[in-house]
Structures are given as C-alpha cells and as structure tokens.
Amino acid sequence: MNVLKNLFKEGAGTRDVITLFHKPSVPSSVRAVTLLKQANGTAQSTATEDQASSHDTHSKAQRTDIDLDITEAAPTSDQFQNILEYIGKHNASKLIQGARDEADAIKKLKEDGNSFQRPVLVDWNNGRAVAGDDHSEILKLLRTLPKETSSA
C-alpha cells in the first residue's frame, strides 16, 4: 500500500506547480532559466551528517516538492487572466508590450501570442507571478512557497 501512496503522492502533500514562460532568444529569459535550475539544484542537494553545517537546518530550508514547467508557448486565455490577477491588472503592460489596459492586453495576446513578454514565472497553487528576471523576486517566490506537509 505504501508503494501506491508514493506512486500517487497520497498523504505526501501536493507539489507546487511553477511555470516559467520562456523565450530562448531573450537574454533575461535565459538568465531566469539558469537561476531556476541553480535554485532547483540547491534545493535537491542535501547536507551530509558530517558536514560542518547543520543537516536539519539545511533540509528544512530547502524545497524539493516543486514541479517546474518551462514552456516556450504563450499562456492560454485562462492562464493569462490568472497571471493578470496575480501581478495586478494595472501591470498589463509588463506582460503584453504596448498594452494600455487589461482589455487591450487580452486583445493583443489573441492577435499575436509573441506579444507576451517573457520571462514570466507563475506559482499557480499560491496565486503569484513574477514578470521579468528580477533575481530577488524569483528567489523570494521560491523561498516563500509553503512547506510540504506530510500526513503519512
């Protein structure tokens, strides 16, 4: 039965889904991918018992229960609406180049998916997003994710 629990993640809490809308030709997007990969690698490494740092402290400080999805596709209309809510509708121009307001942003996205400005990092489970490659904001989003709770 434990094998099934692990297989289906029952009792192990849910994993946060983090999506990075990425465009390889945009330097800031490449920097965001690099930062996320470095942060994910750090989160997955663990201190050994014989290291000078406290193993317990290191383990508690890191998260490994994140599903990181890196996509080059533009968001769907529903995803875009959610992202706008997360960053604030008044920030539509951060997501769509030249958008005057929410309605204009939606119209421009439907006309041309390439008008969506990347990178945009989205935490779907907790309703947060970061537009651009602001390293401190990206790390803040990752560090403030709720810790996984286990009921096993």
N, C-alpha and C. Protein backbone atom coordinates (compact mmCIF):
# COMPACT_ATOMS: atom_id res chain seq x y z
N MET A 1 0.81 -1.20 0.00
CA MET A 1 0.00 0.00 0.00
C MET A 1 0.86 1.27 0.00
N ASN A 2 2.01 1.25 0.70
CA ASN A 2 2.88 2.41 0.71
C ASN A 2 3.41 2.73 -0.69
N VAL A 3 3.62 1.70 -1.49
CA VAL A 3 4.09 1.92 -2.86
C VAL A 3 3.04 2.72 -3.63
N LEU A 4 1.77 2.37 -3.45
CA LEU A 4 0.70 3.11 -4.12
C LEU A 4 0.62 4.54 -3.62
N LYS A 5 0.78 4.73 -2.31
CA LYS A 5 0.75 6.10 -1.77
C LYS A 5 1.85 6.94 -2.39
N ASN A 6 3.06 6.37 -2.48
CA ASN A 6 4.17 7.11 -3.08
C ASN A 6 3.93 7.35 -4.56
N LEU A 7 3.40 6.35 -5.25
CA LEU A 7 3.15 6.47 -6.67
C LEU A 7 2.16 7.60 -6.97
N PHE A 8 1.12 7.67 -6.19
CA PHE A 8 0.08 8.67 -6.44
C PHE A 8 0.19 9.87 -5.51
N LYS A 9 1.26 9.95 -4.73
CA LYS A 9 1.52 11.08 -3.84
C LYS A 9 0.43 11.28 -2.80
N GLU A 10 -0.28 10.21 -2.47
CA GLU A 10 -1.30 10.31 -1.44
C GLU A 10 -0.62 10.45 -0.10
N GLY A 11 -1.12 11.37 0.70
CA GLY A 11 -0.60 11.53 2.03
C GLY A 11 0.75 12.24 2.06
N ALA A 12 1.30 12.56 0.92
CA ALA A 12 2.60 13.21 0.90
C ALA A 12 2.47 14.70 0.60
N GLY A 13 1.28 15.22 0.60
CA GLY A 13 1.09 16.63 0.28
C GLY A 13 1.08 16.83 -1.22
N THR A 14 0.81 18.03 -1.64
CA THR A 14 0.79 18.30 -3.07
C THR A 14 2.04 19.07 -3.46
N ARG A 15 2.44 18.89 -4.68
CA ARG A 15 3.61 19.59 -5.19
C ARG A 15 3.13 20.89 -5.83
N ASP A 16 3.88 21.97 -5.58
CA ASP A 16 3.56 23.24 -6.20
C ASP A 16 3.98 23.20 -7.66
N VAL A 17 3.09 23.67 -8.53
CA VAL A 17 3.40 23.74 -9.95
C VAL A 17 3.87 25.16 -10.25
N ILE A 18 5.10 25.26 -10.71
CA ILE A 18 5.71 26.54 -11.07
C ILE A 18 5.98 26.50 -12.57
N THR A 19 5.47 27.49 -13.29
CA THR A 19 5.68 27.55 -14.74
C THR A 19 6.51 28.77 -15.09
N LEU A 20 7.51 28.56 -15.92
CA LEU A 20 8.26 29.68 -16.47
C LEU A 20 7.91 29.77 -17.94
N PHE A 21 7.32 30.90 -18.32
CA PHE A 21 7.09 31.18 -19.74
C PHE A 21 8.40 31.76 -20.25
N HIS A 22 9.04 31.04 -21.17
CA HIS A 22 10.43 31.27 -21.55
C HIS A 22 10.56 31.52 -23.05
N LYS A 23 11.53 32.34 -23.39
CA LYS A 23 11.88 32.57 -24.80
C LYS A 23 13.41 32.56 -24.90
N PRO A 24 13.96 31.51 -25.51
CA PRO A 24 15.42 31.35 -25.54
C PRO A 24 16.19 32.52 -26.16
N SER A 25 15.55 33.27 -27.04
CA SER A 25 16.25 34.39 -27.69
C SER A 25 16.28 35.65 -26.83
N VAL A 26 15.64 35.61 -25.68
CA VAL A 26 15.61 36.78 -24.78
C VAL A 26 16.60 36.54 -23.64
N PRO A 27 17.66 37.35 -23.55
CA PRO A 27 18.68 37.13 -22.51
C PRO A 27 18.12 37.07 -21.09
N SER A 28 17.15 37.91 -20.77
CA SER A 28 16.59 37.89 -19.41
C SER A 28 15.87 36.57 -19.13
N SER A 29 15.30 35.97 -20.16
CA SER A 29 14.63 34.68 -20.01
C SER A 29 15.64 33.57 -19.77
N VAL A 30 16.76 33.64 -20.48
CA VAL A 30 17.82 32.65 -20.29
C VAL A 30 18.39 32.76 -18.87
N ARG A 31 18.55 34.00 -18.38
CA ARG A 31 19.04 34.20 -17.01
C ARG A 31 18.05 33.62 -16.00
N ALA A 32 16.76 33.79 -16.24
CA ALA A 32 15.75 33.25 -15.33
C ALA A 32 15.80 31.72 -15.30
N VAL A 33 15.96 31.08 -16.46
CA VAL A 33 16.08 29.62 -16.51
C VAL A 33 17.30 29.17 -15.72
N THR A 34 18.42 29.84 -15.92
CA THR A 34 19.66 29.49 -15.22
C THR A 34 19.46 29.61 -13.71
N LEU A 35 18.86 30.70 -13.27
CA LEU A 35 18.61 30.90 -11.85
C LEU A 35 17.71 29.80 -11.28
N LEU A 36 16.64 29.47 -11.99
CA LEU A 36 15.72 28.42 -11.53
C LEU A 36 16.41 27.07 -11.46
N LYS A 37 17.23 26.76 -12.44
CA LYS A 37 17.94 25.48 -12.42
C LYS A 37 18.93 25.43 -11.27
N GLN A 38 19.61 26.55 -11.01
CA GLN A 38 20.54 26.60 -9.89
C GLN A 38 19.79 26.45 -8.56
N ALA A 39 18.68 27.15 -8.43
CA ALA A 39 17.89 27.08 -7.20
C ALA A 39 17.33 25.68 -7.01
N ASN A 40 16.89 25.06 -8.09
CA ASN A 40 16.35 23.70 -8.00
C ASN A 40 17.45 22.71 -7.64
N GLY A 41 18.63 22.89 -8.19
CA GLY A 41 19.75 22.02 -7.86
C GLY A 41 20.15 22.15 -6.40
N THR A 42 20.16 23.37 -5.89
CA THR A 42 20.47 23.60 -4.49
C THR A 42 19.42 22.97 -3.60
N ALA A 43 18.18 23.08 -4.00
CA ALA A 43 17.08 22.54 -3.19
C ALA A 43 17.15 21.02 -3.13
N GLN A 44 17.65 20.40 -4.20
CA GLN A 44 17.68 18.94 -4.23
C GLN A 44 18.92 18.36 -3.57
N SER A 45 19.94 19.19 -3.35
CA SER A 45 21.13 18.68 -2.67
C SER A 45 20.88 18.73 -1.17
N THR A 46 21.47 17.81 -0.46
CA THR A 46 21.31 17.79 0.99
C THR A 46 22.67 17.71 1.65
N ALA A 47 22.75 18.30 2.82
CA ALA A 47 23.99 18.23 3.58
C ALA A 47 24.13 16.84 4.17
N THR A 48 25.37 16.41 4.30
CA THR A 48 25.60 15.12 4.95
C THR A 48 25.76 15.36 6.44
N GLU A 49 25.59 14.33 7.21
CA GLU A 49 25.65 14.43 8.66
C GLU A 49 27.00 14.94 9.15
N ASP A 50 28.09 14.64 8.41
CA ASP A 50 29.41 15.02 8.90
C ASP A 50 29.87 16.39 8.42
N GLN A 51 29.04 17.11 7.68
CA GLN A 51 29.41 18.45 7.25
C GLN A 51 29.28 19.42 8.41
N ALA A 52 30.00 20.51 8.31
CA ALA A 52 30.02 21.49 9.41
C ALA A 52 28.66 22.13 9.62
N SER A 53 27.90 22.30 8.55
CA SER A 53 26.58 22.91 8.70
C SER A 53 25.60 21.90 9.29
N SER A 54 24.56 22.41 9.86
CA SER A 54 23.56 21.54 10.46
C SER A 54 22.71 20.89 9.37
N HIS A 55 22.67 19.57 9.38
CA HIS A 55 21.89 18.82 8.41
C HIS A 55 20.41 19.17 8.53
N ASP A 56 19.90 19.27 9.74
CA ASP A 56 18.48 19.57 9.95
C ASP A 56 18.12 20.95 9.40
N THR A 57 18.97 21.92 9.67
CA THR A 57 18.70 23.28 9.20
C THR A 57 18.69 23.32 7.68
N HIS A 58 19.67 22.69 7.05
CA HIS A 58 19.75 22.68 5.59
C HIS A 58 18.52 22.00 4.99
N SER A 59 18.13 20.87 5.53
CA SER A 59 17.00 20.12 5.00
C SER A 59 15.71 20.92 5.10
N LYS A 60 15.51 21.61 6.20
CA LYS A 60 14.29 22.39 6.39
C LYS A 60 14.26 23.62 5.50
N ALA A 61 15.42 24.16 5.20
CA ALA A 61 15.48 25.41 4.42
C ALA A 61 15.23 25.18 2.94
N GLN A 62 15.39 23.97 2.45
CA GLN A 62 15.28 23.70 1.03
C GLN A 62 13.95 23.01 0.70
N ARG A 63 13.49 23.25 -0.52
CA ARG A 63 12.27 22.61 -1.00
C ARG A 63 12.62 21.71 -2.18
N THR A 64 12.02 20.54 -2.21
CA THR A 64 12.21 19.67 -3.37
C THR A 64 10.87 19.23 -3.93
N ASP A 65 9.78 19.79 -3.44
CA ASP A 65 8.45 19.36 -3.86
C ASP A 65 7.84 20.35 -4.86
N ILE A 66 8.64 20.72 -5.87
CA ILE A 66 8.20 21.67 -6.88
C ILE A 66 8.20 20.97 -8.24
N ASP A 67 7.13 21.17 -8.99
CA ASP A 67 7.10 20.73 -10.37
C ASP A 67 7.39 21.96 -11.22
N LEU A 68 8.59 22.04 -11.78
CA LEU A 68 8.98 23.17 -12.61
C LEU A 68 8.68 22.86 -14.06
N ASP A 69 7.85 23.70 -14.65
CA ASP A 69 7.46 23.54 -16.05
C ASP A 69 8.00 24.74 -16.82
N ILE A 70 8.91 24.51 -17.75
CA ILE A 70 9.45 25.58 -18.58
C ILE A 70 8.85 25.43 -19.96
N THR A 71 8.13 26.45 -20.40
CA THR A 71 7.44 26.38 -21.69
C THR A 71 7.75 27.61 -22.54
N GLU A 72 7.86 27.37 -23.82
CA GLU A 72 8.07 28.47 -24.76
C GLU A 72 6.74 28.96 -25.35
N ALA A 73 5.67 28.26 -25.05
CA ALA A 73 4.35 28.64 -25.55
C ALA A 73 3.81 29.85 -24.78
N ALA A 74 2.97 30.61 -25.44
CA ALA A 74 2.28 31.70 -24.76
C ALA A 74 1.19 31.08 -23.87
N PRO A 75 0.79 31.79 -22.83
CA PRO A 75 -0.27 31.25 -21.98
C PRO A 75 -1.61 31.20 -22.71
N THR A 76 -2.47 30.30 -22.26
CA THR A 76 -3.84 30.27 -22.78
C THR A 76 -4.56 31.51 -22.26
N SER A 77 -5.74 31.78 -22.79
CA SER A 77 -6.53 32.93 -22.32
C SER A 77 -6.81 32.84 -20.83
N ASP A 78 -7.18 31.64 -20.36
CA ASP A 78 -7.46 31.46 -18.93
C ASP A 78 -6.21 31.66 -18.08
N GLN A 79 -5.08 31.09 -18.55
CA GLN A 79 -3.83 31.28 -17.82
C GLN A 79 -3.47 32.76 -17.76
N PHE A 80 -3.64 33.45 -18.89
CA PHE A 80 -3.29 34.87 -18.93
C PHE A 80 -4.15 35.68 -17.96
N GLN A 81 -5.44 35.36 -17.89
CA GLN A 81 -6.33 36.04 -16.94
C GLN A 81 -5.84 35.84 -15.52
N ASN A 82 -5.43 34.61 -15.19
CA ASN A 82 -4.91 34.32 -13.85
C ASN A 82 -3.63 35.10 -13.58
N ILE A 83 -2.72 35.11 -14.54
CA ILE A 83 -1.46 35.83 -14.37
C ILE A 83 -1.72 37.31 -14.13
N LEU A 84 -2.66 37.87 -14.89
CA LEU A 84 -3.02 39.28 -14.70
C LEU A 84 -3.53 39.54 -13.28
N GLU A 85 -4.34 38.63 -12.78
CA GLU A 85 -4.84 38.76 -11.41
C GLU A 85 -3.69 38.69 -10.41
N TYR A 86 -2.73 37.81 -10.66
CA TYR A 86 -1.61 37.63 -9.73
C TYR A 86 -0.71 38.86 -9.66
N ILE A 87 -0.40 39.46 -10.81
CA ILE A 87 0.52 40.60 -10.81
C ILE A 87 -0.20 41.94 -10.71
N GLY A 88 -1.51 41.91 -10.86
CA GLY A 88 -2.29 43.15 -10.81
C GLY A 88 -2.63 43.60 -12.22
N LYS A 89 -3.91 43.80 -12.45
CA LYS A 89 -4.38 44.16 -13.79
C LYS A 89 -3.76 45.46 -14.30
N HIS A 90 -3.37 46.33 -13.38
CA HIS A 90 -2.73 47.59 -13.78
C HIS A 90 -1.33 47.37 -14.35
N ASN A 91 -0.79 46.16 -14.22
CA ASN A 91 0.53 45.83 -14.76
C ASN A 91 0.45 45.09 -16.09
N ALA A 92 -0.65 45.23 -16.81
CA ALA A 92 -0.84 44.51 -18.08
C ALA A 92 0.29 44.78 -19.06
N SER A 93 0.85 45.99 -19.04
CA SER A 93 1.93 46.33 -19.98
C SER A 93 3.22 45.59 -19.67
N LYS A 94 3.36 45.04 -18.45
CA LYS A 94 4.53 44.22 -18.14
C LYS A 94 4.45 42.86 -18.83
N LEU A 95 3.21 42.46 -19.17
CA LEU A 95 3.00 41.17 -19.80
C LEU A 95 2.85 41.25 -21.31
N ILE A 96 2.21 42.30 -21.77
CA ILE A 96 1.96 42.48 -23.21
C ILE A 96 2.53 43.83 -23.63
N GLN A 97 3.48 43.78 -24.53
CA GLN A 97 4.13 45.01 -24.97
C GLN A 97 3.12 45.98 -25.56
N GLY A 98 3.10 47.20 -25.05
CA GLY A 98 2.24 48.25 -25.56
C GLY A 98 0.79 48.20 -25.11
N ALA A 99 0.45 47.29 -24.20
CA ALA A 99 -0.94 47.19 -23.73
C ALA A 99 -1.28 48.39 -22.85
N ARG A 100 -2.46 48.98 -23.12
CA ARG A 100 -2.90 50.13 -22.34
C ARG A 100 -3.62 49.71 -21.07
N ASP A 101 -4.33 48.59 -21.16
CA ASP A 101 -5.11 48.10 -20.02
C ASP A 101 -5.38 46.61 -20.20
N GLU A 102 -6.16 46.04 -19.30
CA GLU A 102 -6.44 44.60 -19.35
C GLU A 102 -7.09 44.18 -20.67
N ALA A 103 -8.12 44.89 -21.09
CA ALA A 103 -8.83 44.53 -22.32
C ALA A 103 -7.90 44.60 -23.54
N ASP A 104 -7.05 45.63 -23.58
CA ASP A 104 -6.11 45.78 -24.67
C ASP A 104 -5.08 44.64 -24.65
N ALA A 105 -4.65 44.24 -23.47
CA ALA A 105 -3.69 43.15 -23.33
C ALA A 105 -4.27 41.84 -23.85
N ILE A 106 -5.51 41.56 -23.48
CA ILE A 106 -6.17 40.33 -23.93
C ILE A 106 -6.32 40.33 -25.45
N LYS A 107 -6.71 41.46 -26.00
CA LYS A 107 -6.86 41.58 -27.45
C LYS A 107 -5.54 41.35 -28.16
N LYS A 108 -4.47 41.98 -27.67
CA LYS A 108 -3.15 41.84 -28.30
C LYS A 108 -2.64 40.40 -28.19
N LEU A 109 -2.89 39.74 -27.06
CA LEU A 109 -2.45 38.36 -26.90
C LEU A 109 -3.16 37.45 -27.90
N LYS A 110 -4.47 37.67 -28.10
CA LYS A 110 -5.22 36.86 -29.06
C LYS A 110 -4.74 37.09 -30.49
N GLU A 111 -4.36 38.33 -30.79
CA GLU A 111 -3.88 38.66 -32.13
C GLU A 111 -2.50 38.09 -32.40
N ASP A 112 -1.64 38.12 -31.37
CA ASP A 112 -0.26 37.68 -31.57
C ASP A 112 0.32 37.17 -30.25
N GLY A 113 0.46 35.86 -30.13
CA GLY A 113 1.00 35.26 -28.91
C GLY A 113 2.41 35.70 -28.60
N ASN A 114 3.15 36.17 -29.63
CA ASN A 114 4.51 36.65 -29.41
C ASN A 114 4.55 38.00 -28.72
N SER A 115 3.40 38.65 -28.57
CA SER A 115 3.38 39.93 -27.86
C SER A 115 3.51 39.72 -26.35
N PHE A 116 3.35 38.47 -25.90
CA PHE A 116 3.51 38.14 -24.48
C PHE A 116 4.99 38.25 -24.12
N GLN A 117 5.29 39.10 -23.16
CA GLN A 117 6.67 39.36 -22.74
C GLN A 117 7.18 38.28 -21.79
N ARG A 118 8.28 37.68 -22.15
CA ARG A 118 8.89 36.66 -21.32
C ARG A 118 10.21 37.18 -20.79
N PRO A 119 10.65 36.71 -19.65
CA PRO A 119 10.15 35.59 -18.85
C PRO A 119 9.05 36.03 -17.88
N VAL A 120 8.18 35.08 -17.59
CA VAL A 120 7.17 35.24 -16.53
C VAL A 120 7.14 33.93 -15.76
N LEU A 121 7.35 34.02 -14.46
CA LEU A 121 7.34 32.87 -13.57
C LEU A 121 6.02 32.87 -12.81
N VAL A 122 5.31 31.74 -12.82
CA VAL A 122 3.98 31.68 -12.20
C VAL A 122 3.91 30.53 -11.21
N ASP A 123 3.45 30.86 -10.01
CA ASP A 123 3.15 29.88 -8.97
C ASP A 123 1.63 29.71 -8.97
N TRP A 124 1.15 28.71 -9.67
CA TRP A 124 -0.29 28.51 -9.86
C TRP A 124 -0.99 28.16 -8.56
N ASN A 125 -0.35 27.36 -7.71
CA ASN A 125 -1.00 26.89 -6.48
C ASN A 125 -1.25 28.01 -5.48
N ASN A 126 -0.36 29.01 -5.46
CA ASN A 126 -0.45 30.07 -4.46
C ASN A 126 -0.79 31.43 -5.05
N GLY A 127 -1.10 31.47 -6.35
CA GLY A 127 -1.56 32.70 -6.99
C GLY A 127 -0.56 33.83 -7.00
N ARG A 128 0.67 33.54 -7.45
CA ARG A 128 1.70 34.58 -7.50
C ARG A 128 2.45 34.50 -8.83
N ALA A 129 2.98 35.62 -9.26
CA ALA A 129 3.75 35.65 -10.50
C ALA A 129 4.81 36.73 -10.44
N VAL A 130 5.89 36.51 -11.20
CA VAL A 130 6.97 37.49 -11.33
C VAL A 130 7.19 37.69 -12.82
N ALA A 131 7.07 38.93 -13.27
CA ALA A 131 7.34 39.26 -14.66
C ALA A 131 8.75 39.82 -14.75
N GLY A 132 9.55 39.27 -15.67
CA GLY A 132 10.93 39.71 -15.82
C GLY A 132 11.90 38.78 -15.11
N ASP A 133 13.16 39.18 -15.06
CA ASP A 133 14.18 38.31 -14.48
C ASP A 133 14.76 38.87 -13.19
N ASP A 134 13.95 39.56 -12.41
CA ASP A 134 14.39 40.11 -11.13
C ASP A 134 14.75 38.94 -10.21
N HIS A 135 16.06 38.70 -10.07
CA HIS A 135 16.53 37.55 -9.30
C HIS A 135 15.98 37.52 -7.89
N SER A 136 15.96 38.66 -7.23
CA SER A 136 15.49 38.67 -5.84
C SER A 136 14.01 38.31 -5.76
N GLU A 137 13.21 38.77 -6.72
CA GLU A 137 11.78 38.44 -6.71
C GLU A 137 11.54 36.96 -7.03
N ILE A 138 12.32 36.42 -7.95
CA ILE A 138 12.20 35.00 -8.30
C ILE A 138 12.56 34.13 -7.09
N LEU A 139 13.69 34.45 -6.46
CA LEU A 139 14.11 33.68 -5.29
C LEU A 139 13.11 33.84 -4.13
N LYS A 140 12.58 35.03 -3.99
CA LYS A 140 11.58 35.26 -2.94
C LYS A 140 10.35 34.38 -3.18
N LEU A 141 9.91 34.31 -4.43
CA LEU A 141 8.76 33.46 -4.74
C LEU A 141 9.06 32.01 -4.38
N LEU A 142 10.24 31.53 -4.74
CA LEU A 142 10.61 30.14 -4.46
C LEU A 142 10.77 29.88 -2.97
N ARG A 143 11.40 30.81 -2.26
CA ARG A 143 11.65 30.60 -0.83
C ARG A 143 10.41 30.70 0.03
N THR A 144 9.41 31.40 -0.46
CA THR A 144 8.21 31.60 0.36
C THR A 144 7.08 30.64 0.00
N LEU A 145 7.41 29.61 -0.79
CA LEU A 145 6.41 28.60 -1.08
C LEU A 145 6.10 27.87 0.23
N PRO A 146 4.84 27.53 0.45
CA PRO A 146 4.51 26.79 1.67
C PRO A 146 5.28 25.48 1.71
N LYS A 147 5.75 25.13 2.89
CA LYS A 147 6.48 23.87 3.05
C LYS A 147 5.56 22.70 2.86
N GLU A 148 6.09 21.62 2.30
CA GLU A 148 5.30 20.40 2.10
C GLU A 148 4.93 19.83 3.46
N THR A 149 3.68 19.42 3.57
CA THR A 149 3.24 18.77 4.80
C THR A 149 2.95 17.32 4.49
N SER A 150 3.33 16.47 5.39
CA SER A 150 3.12 15.04 5.20
C SER A 150 2.16 14.51 6.22
N SER A 151 1.19 13.75 5.75
CA SER A 151 0.22 13.14 6.67
C SER A 151 0.39 11.64 6.70
N ALA A 152 1.52 11.16 6.20
CA ALA A 152 1.78 9.72 6.13
C ALA A 152 2.14 9.18 7.49
